[in-house]
Amino acid sequence: MASLPLLTGLAPVIDPGIRILVLGSFPGAASLAAQQYYAHPRNHFWRLLSALVEEDLVSLPYGERLPRLLAHRIGLWDVLGACEREGSLDSAIRKPAANDFDRLHQLCPELETVGFNGQASGKFAPQFAAAGYRTVVLPSSSPANAGMTFEQKLDSWRQLTLATD
């Protein structure tokens, strides 16, 4: 079987003031093609975050969403920096390479809570808990997670902001 090309993830959206970091697993095909986090139109991510911060991020151009997210002290990244994968499913990921989180305390000194968007990224929760962060494993915002309604996902996602308000 021929190996798949190595895919590289997106740059982190962080700054020293973030208090919450949301980690996905690895960008899907639509996100990689657009070079935008959560670019698939049926992904609930931007609707969920809009509800949490009480600001309509969905209607903003992507380039304006990221500074608004940082203004709400929320950062974005993925647990994996590179992998091989055909399609967008986490189950198709081969040869995963984790991002380097060693400098997170230095780069984001006010970071308190790390939320994991789905079970695949949630496998990294113990190492973040061991580093002193509050961790929350969330239901995936992906359209592949059709077993939950938007409202059910939002109820769980509200855990992100409980300890940081």
C-alpha atoms as a PDB file:
ATOM      1  CA  MET A   1       0.000   0.000   0.000  1.00  0.00           C
ATOM      2  CA  ALA A   2       1.416   3.378  -1.015  1.00  0.00           C
ATOM      3  CA  SER A   3       1.872   5.881   1.773  1.00  0.00           C
ATOM      4  CA  LEU A   4      -0.286   8.960   1.847  1.00  0.00           C
ATOM      5  CA  PRO A   5       1.217  12.454   1.651  1.00  0.00           C
ATOM      6  CA  LEU A   6       2.137  14.031   4.969  1.00  0.00           C
ATOM      7  CA  LEU A   7      -0.408  16.709   5.874  1.00  0.00           C
ATOM      8  CA  THR A   8       0.582  19.700   7.998  1.00  0.00           C
ATOM      9  CA  GLY A   9      -1.893  21.402  10.332  1.00  0.00           C
ATOM     10  CA  LEU A  10      -2.661  25.063  10.909  1.00  0.00           C
ATOM     11  CA  ALA A  11      -0.702  27.553  13.005  1.00  0.00           C
ATOM     12  CA  PRO A  12      -1.931  28.096  16.565  1.00  0.00           C
ATOM     13  CA  VAL A  13      -4.222  31.035  17.295  1.00  0.00           C
ATOM     14  CA  ILE A  14      -2.850  32.054  20.691  1.00  0.00           C
ATOM     15  CA  ASP A  15      -1.559  35.060  22.579  1.00  0.00           C
ATOM     16  CA  PRO A  16      -0.335  35.672  26.146  1.00  0.00           C
ATOM     17  CA  GLY A  17      -3.818  36.674  27.356  1.00  0.00           C
ATOM     18  CA  ILE A  18      -5.826  33.580  26.471  1.00  0.00           C
ATOM     19  CA  ARG A  19      -7.503  31.772  29.363  1.00  0.00           C
ATOM     20  CA  ILE A  20      -9.172  29.024  27.291  1.00  0.00           C
ATOM     21  CA  LEU A  21      -7.586  26.931  24.554  1.00  0.00           C
ATOM     22  CA  VAL A  22      -9.752  24.739  22.315  1.00  0.00           C
ATOM     23  CA  LEU A  23      -7.860  21.856  20.770  1.00  0.00           C
ATOM     24  CA  GLY A  24      -9.211  19.871  17.852  1.00  0.00           C
ATOM     25  CA  SER A  25      -7.615  16.707  16.540  1.00  0.00           C
ATOM     26  CA  PHE A  26      -6.439  17.761  13.067  1.00  0.00           C
ATOM     27  CA  PRO A  27      -8.067  20.001  10.427  1.00  0.00           C
ATOM     28  CA  GLY A  28     -10.452  18.313   8.020  1.00  0.00           C
ATOM     29  CA  ALA A  29     -10.027  18.488   4.261  1.00  0.00           C
ATOM     30  CA  ALA A  30     -12.186  21.628   3.908  1.00  0.00           C
ATOM     31  CA  SER A  31     -10.206  23.420   6.627  1.00  0.00           C
ATOM     32  CA  LEU A  32      -6.856  22.441   5.134  1.00  0.00           C
ATOM     33  CA  ALA A  33      -7.962  23.557   1.667  1.00  0.00           C
ATOM     34  CA  ALA A  34      -9.183  26.917   3.014  1.00  0.00           C
ATOM     35  CA  GLN A  35      -6.353  27.214   5.577  1.00  0.00           C
ATOM     36  CA  GLN A  36      -9.050  28.071   8.142  1.00  0.00           C
ATOM     37  CA  TYR A  37     -10.069  26.403  11.375  1.00  0.00           C
ATOM     38  CA  TYR A  38     -13.487  24.735  11.145  1.00  0.00           C
ATOM     39  CA  ALA A  39     -14.158  25.749   7.538  1.00  0.00           C
ATOM     40  CA  HIS A  40     -16.716  23.006   6.809  1.00  0.00           C
ATOM     41  CA  PRO A  41     -20.058  24.852   6.573  1.00  0.00           C
ATOM     42  CA  ARG A  42     -21.918  22.180   8.591  1.00  0.00           C
ATOM     43  CA  ASN A  43     -19.397  22.151  11.444  1.00  0.00           C
ATOM     44  CA  HIS A  44     -21.015  23.672  14.542  1.00  0.00           C
ATOM     45  CA  PHE A  45     -17.780  25.120  15.954  1.00  0.00           C
ATOM     46  CA  TRP A  46     -18.312  28.794  15.079  1.00  0.00           C
ATOM     47  CA  ARG A  47     -22.007  28.661  16.108  1.00  0.00           C
ATOM     48  CA  LEU A  48     -21.008  27.093  19.448  1.00  0.00           C
ATOM     49  CA  LEU A  49     -18.342  29.721  20.125  1.00  0.00           C
ATOM     50  CA  SER A  50     -20.716  32.507  19.066  1.00  0.00           C
ATOM     51  CA  ALA A  51     -23.203  31.311  21.681  1.00  0.00           C
ATOM     52  CA  LEU A  52     -20.504  31.047  24.365  1.00  0.00           C
ATOM     53  CA  VAL A  53     -19.072  34.536  23.836  1.00  0.00           C
ATOM     54  CA  GLU A  54     -22.457  36.067  22.982  1.00  0.00           C
ATOM     55  CA  GLU A  55     -21.135  37.568  19.757  1.00  0.00           C
ATOM     56  CA  ASP A  56     -22.024  36.583  16.190  1.00  0.00           C
ATOM     57  CA  LEU A  57     -18.715  35.229  14.927  1.00  0.00           C
ATOM     58  CA  VAL A  58     -20.394  33.210  12.159  1.00  0.00           C
ATOM     59  CA  SER A  59     -21.298  36.266  10.075  1.00  0.00           C
ATOM     60  CA  LEU A  60     -17.789  37.732  10.276  1.00  0.00           C
ATOM     61  CA  PRO A  61     -15.199  37.066   7.574  1.00  0.00           C
ATOM     62  CA  TYR A  62     -12.744  34.427   8.819  1.00  0.00           C
ATOM     63  CA  GLY A  63      -9.930  36.982   9.162  1.00  0.00           C
ATOM     64  CA  GLU A  64     -12.048  38.935  11.664  1.00  0.00           C
ATOM     65  CA  ARG A  65     -13.143  35.886  13.687  1.00  0.00           C
ATOM     66  CA  LEU A  66      -9.697  35.075  15.047  1.00  0.00           C
ATOM     67  CA  PRO A  67      -8.960  38.500  16.608  1.00  0.00           C
ATOM     68  CA  ARG A  68     -12.468  38.489  18.133  1.00  0.00           C
ATOM     69  CA  LEU A  69     -11.834  35.046  19.615  1.00  0.00           C
ATOM     70  CA  LEU A  70      -8.557  36.269  21.109  1.00  0.00           C
ATOM     71  CA  ALA A  71     -10.361  39.342  22.466  1.00  0.00           C
ATOM     72  CA  HIS A  72     -12.595  36.884  24.361  1.00  0.00           C
ATOM     73  CA  ARG A  73      -9.379  35.236  25.626  1.00  0.00           C
ATOM     74  CA  ILE A  74      -9.948  32.026  23.673  1.00  0.00           C
ATOM     75  CA  GLY A  75      -7.275  30.368  21.546  1.00  0.00           C
ATOM     76  CA  LEU A  76      -7.386  27.602  18.924  1.00  0.00           C
ATOM     77  CA  TRP A  77      -5.025  24.821  17.945  1.00  0.00           C
ATOM     78  CA  ASP A  78      -4.954  21.100  17.281  1.00  0.00           C
ATOM     79  CA  VAL A  79      -3.315  18.277  19.193  1.00  0.00           C
ATOM     80  CA  LEU A  80      -1.700  17.013  15.997  1.00  0.00           C
ATOM     81  CA  GLY A  81       0.690  19.081  13.921  1.00  0.00           C
ATOM     82  CA  ALA A  82       0.992  16.562  11.107  1.00  0.00           C
ATOM     83  CA  CYS A  83      -0.348  13.198   9.989  1.00  0.00           C
ATOM     84  CA  GLU A  84      -1.279  11.111   7.007  1.00  0.00           C
ATOM     85  CA  ARG A  85      -4.990  10.865   6.259  1.00  0.00           C
ATOM     86  CA  GLU A  86      -7.333  10.301   3.379  1.00  0.00           C
ATOM     87  CA  GLY A  87     -10.559  12.252   3.842  1.00  0.00           C
ATOM     88  CA  SER A  88     -11.473  14.073   7.056  1.00  0.00           C
ATOM     89  CA  LEU A  89     -12.318  11.410   9.621  1.00  0.00           C
ATOM     90  CA  ASP A  90     -10.172  11.102  12.754  1.00  0.00           C
ATOM     91  CA  SER A  91     -10.391   7.327  12.383  1.00  0.00           C
ATOM     92  CA  ALA A  92      -8.460   7.628   9.096  1.00  0.00           C
ATOM     93  CA  ILE A  93      -5.460   9.377  10.704  1.00  0.00           C
ATOM     94  CA  ARG A  94      -2.168   7.515  10.247  1.00  0.00           C
ATOM     95  CA  LYS A  95       1.307   8.378  11.552  1.00  0.00           C
ATOM     96  CA  PRO A  96       0.113  11.161  13.900  1.00  0.00           C
ATOM     97  CA  ALA A  97       2.687  13.679  15.133  1.00  0.00           C
ATOM     98  CA  ALA A  98       1.651  15.775  18.131  1.00  0.00           C
ATOM     99  CA  ASN A  99       2.196  19.512  18.293  1.00  0.00           C
ATOM    100  CA  ASP A 100       4.849  20.734  20.713  1.00  0.00           C
ATOM    101  CA  PHE A 101       3.006  22.010  23.785  1.00  0.00           C
ATOM    102  CA  ASP A 102       6.063  22.314  26.029  1.00  0.00           C
ATOM    103  CA  ARG A 103       6.195  26.110  25.744  1.00  0.00           C
ATOM    104  CA  LEU A 104       2.480  26.682  26.386  1.00  0.00           C
ATOM    105  CA  HIS A 105       3.003  27.855  29.993  1.00  0.00           C
ATOM    106  CA  GLN A 106       5.548  30.391  28.724  1.00  0.00           C
ATOM    107  CA  LEU A 107       3.558  31.553  25.671  1.00  0.00           C
ATOM    108  CA  CYS A 108       0.164  31.643  27.402  1.00  0.00           C
ATOM    109  CA  PRO A 109       0.807  32.347  31.104  1.00  0.00           C
ATOM    110  CA  GLU A 110      -2.880  33.030  31.865  1.00  0.00           C
ATOM    111  CA  LEU A 111      -4.158  29.816  30.277  1.00  0.00           C
ATOM    112  CA  GLU A 112      -6.407  27.933  32.701  1.00  0.00           C
ATOM    113  CA  THR A 113      -8.729  25.668  30.720  1.00  0.00           C
ATOM    114  CA  VAL A 114      -8.027  23.386  27.780  1.00  0.00           C
ATOM    115  CA  GLY A 115     -11.090  22.111  25.940  1.00  0.00           C
ATOM    116  CA  PHE A 116     -10.860  19.161  23.580  1.00  0.00           C
ATOM    117  CA  ASN A 117     -13.170  19.200  20.573  1.00  0.00           C
ATOM    118  CA  GLY A 118     -14.080  15.506  20.430  1.00  0.00           C
ATOM    119  CA  GLN A 119     -12.810  12.175  21.707  1.00  0.00           C
ATOM    120  CA  ALA A 120      -9.740  11.967  19.440  1.00  0.00           C
ATOM    121  CA  SER A 121      -8.219  15.170  20.819  1.00  0.00           C
ATOM    122  CA  GLY A 122      -9.578  14.277  24.264  1.00  0.00           C
ATOM    123  CA  LYS A 123      -7.040  11.444  24.470  1.00  0.00           C
ATOM    124  CA  PHE A 124      -4.490  14.192  25.217  1.00  0.00           C
ATOM    125  CA  ALA A 125      -6.451  15.514  28.229  1.00  0.00           C
ATOM    126  CA  PRO A 126      -4.418  13.582  30.851  1.00  0.00           C
ATOM    127  CA  GLN A 127      -1.130  15.172  29.788  1.00  0.00           C
ATOM    128  CA  PHE A 128      -2.671  18.667  29.991  1.00  0.00           C
ATOM    129  CA  ALA A 129      -4.219  17.884  33.376  1.00  0.00           C
ATOM    130  CA  ALA A 130      -0.789  16.718  34.565  1.00  0.00           C
ATOM    131  CA  ALA A 131       0.626  20.063  33.415  1.00  0.00           C
ATOM    132  CA  GLY A 132      -1.839  21.851  35.728  1.00  0.00           C
ATOM    133  CA  TYR A 133      -4.613  22.822  33.338  1.00  0.00           C
ATOM    134  CA  ARG A 134      -8.331  22.310  33.860  1.00  0.00           C
ATOM    135  CA  THR A 135      -9.431  19.994  31.046  1.00  0.00           C
ATOM    136  CA  VAL A 136     -12.832  19.505  29.442  1.00  0.00           C
ATOM    137  CA  VAL A 137     -13.478  16.851  26.798  1.00  0.00           C
ATOM    138  CA  LEU A 138     -16.331  18.138  24.639  1.00  0.00           C
ATOM    139  CA  PRO A 139     -18.621  16.511  22.098  1.00  0.00           C
ATOM    140  CA  SER A 140     -17.213  17.029  18.622  1.00  0.00           C
ATOM    141  CA  SER A 141     -18.526  20.012  16.680  1.00  0.00           C
ATOM    142  CA  SER A 142     -18.060  17.990  13.479  1.00  0.00           C
ATOM    143  CA  PRO A 143     -20.981  17.232  11.170  1.00  0.00           C
ATOM    144  CA  ALA A 144     -19.932  13.577  11.538  1.00  0.00           C
ATOM    145  CA  ASN A 145     -21.176  13.806  15.152  1.00  0.00           C
ATOM    146  CA  ALA A 146     -24.830  13.688  14.141  1.00  0.00           C
ATOM    147  CA  GLY A 147     -25.942  11.894  17.310  1.00  0.00           C
ATOM    148  CA  MET A 148     -26.344  15.168  19.202  1.00  0.00           C
ATOM    149  CA  THR A 149     -28.349  18.269  18.424  1.00  0.00           C
ATOM    150  CA  PHE A 150     -26.726  21.691  18.409  1.00  0.00           C
ATOM    151  CA  GLU A 151     -28.435  22.473  21.735  1.00  0.00           C
ATOM    152  CA  GLN A 152     -27.090  19.294  23.342  1.00  0.00           C
ATOM    153  CA  LYS A 153     -23.581  20.125  22.153  1.00  0.00           C
ATOM    154  CA  LEU A 154     -23.924  23.691  23.446  1.00  0.00           C
ATOM    155  CA  ASP A 155     -24.976  22.467  26.899  1.00  0.00           C
ATOM    156  CA  SER A 156     -21.704  20.533  27.105  1.00  0.00           C
ATOM    157  CA  TRP A 157     -19.590  23.293  25.560  1.00  0.00           C
ATOM    158  CA  ARG A 158     -20.769  25.725  28.269  1.00  0.00           C
ATOM    159  CA  GLN A 159     -18.392  23.833  30.618  1.00  0.00           C
ATOM    160  CA  LEU A 160     -15.527  25.705  28.937  1.00  0.00           C
ATOM    161  CA  THR A 161     -16.479  29.036  30.437  1.00  0.00           C
ATOM    162  CA  LEU A 162     -17.734  27.909  33.865  1.00  0.00           C
ATOM    163  CA  ALA A 163     -14.502  28.322  35.811  1.00  0.00           C
ATOM    164  CA  THR A 164     -13.112  31.273  33.865  1.00  0.00           C
ATOM    165  CA  ASP A 165     -15.910  33.839  34.006  1.00  0.00           C
END
